[in-house]
Amino acid sequence: MKYNIKIEVIENFMMENKISKTKFCKLCKISIRTLNKIMTNNDNFRIIALFKIAKVIKVQVNQMFD
């Protein structure tokens, strides 16, 4: 299934807090590989990763979809 993820939400959070992808992944407890899959809108990742990201950036999961 193809997801349309708003990657701007993630990018804005990282820019506002001046953190790298690596640090962001450690905060979310996901791998950098998973983050890269999400950022490229690849459909091969577990949806639980979005829940972990949403919890860290303090948004609801449905706000991460187009």
Protein backbone atom coordinates (compact mmCIF):
# COMPACT_ATOMS: atom_id res chain seq x y z
CA MET A 1 0.00 0.00 0.00
CA LYS A 2 1.36 3.41 -0.95
CA TYR A 3 1.20 6.11 1.75
CA ASN A 4 1.32 9.84 1.09
CA ILE A 5 3.31 11.05 4.07
CA LYS A 6 3.80 14.74 4.77
CA ILE A 7 7.56 14.65 5.13
CA GLU A 8 7.56 18.43 5.65
CA VAL A 9 6.29 17.87 9.19
CA ILE A 10 9.32 15.74 10.00
CA GLU A 11 11.77 18.01 8.20
CA ASN A 12 10.40 21.12 9.93
CA PHE A 13 10.74 19.48 13.33
CA MET A 14 14.37 18.54 12.65
CA MET A 15 15.20 22.03 11.36
CA GLU A 16 13.46 23.88 14.21
CA ASN A 17 15.21 21.76 16.82
CA LYS A 18 18.50 21.66 14.89
CA ILE A 19 18.91 17.91 15.12
CA SER A 20 20.35 15.45 12.64
CA LYS A 21 18.62 12.43 11.17
CA THR A 22 20.66 10.19 13.46
CA LYS A 23 19.63 12.02 16.61
CA PHE A 24 16.02 12.15 15.45
CA CYS A 25 16.03 8.40 14.91
CA LYS A 26 17.42 7.83 18.40
CA LEU A 27 14.66 10.02 19.87
CA CYS A 28 12.00 8.09 17.97
CA LYS A 29 13.65 4.70 18.52
CA ILE A 30 13.58 3.86 14.84
CA SER A 31 16.39 3.03 12.45
CA ILE A 32 17.86 5.50 9.99
CA ARG A 33 16.91 3.07 7.25
CA THR A 34 13.25 3.29 8.28
CA LEU A 35 13.39 7.08 8.34
CA ASN A 36 14.89 7.12 4.85
CA LYS A 37 12.09 4.87 3.59
CA ILE A 38 9.50 7.22 5.08
CA MET A 39 11.20 10.31 3.66
CA THR A 40 11.28 8.84 0.15
CA ASN A 41 7.64 7.72 0.42
CA ASN A 42 8.67 4.12 0.00
CA ASP A 43 5.84 1.79 0.97
CA ASN A 44 8.08 -0.79 2.61
CA PHE A 45 8.07 0.23 6.28
CA ARG A 46 6.03 -0.63 9.33
CA ILE A 47 3.28 1.81 10.19
CA ILE A 48 4.29 1.68 13.88
CA ALA A 49 7.26 3.87 12.94
CA LEU A 50 4.85 6.71 12.16
CA PHE A 51 3.27 6.36 15.58
CA LYS A 52 6.71 6.61 17.19
CA ILE A 53 7.56 9.71 15.15
CA ALA A 54 4.20 11.33 15.88
CA LYS A 55 4.72 10.83 19.60
CA VAL A 56 8.12 12.56 19.51
CA ILE A 57 7.06 15.51 17.36
CA LYS A 58 3.76 15.79 19.27
CA VAL A 59 1.29 15.53 16.41
CA GLN A 60 -1.50 13.11 15.72
CA VAL A 61 -0.75 10.39 13.22
CA ASN A 62 -3.52 11.48 10.87
CA GLN A 63 -1.79 14.89 10.53
CA MET A 64 1.15 13.12 8.92
CA PHE A 65 -0.89 12.01 5.89
CA ASP A 66 -1.97 14.03 2.84
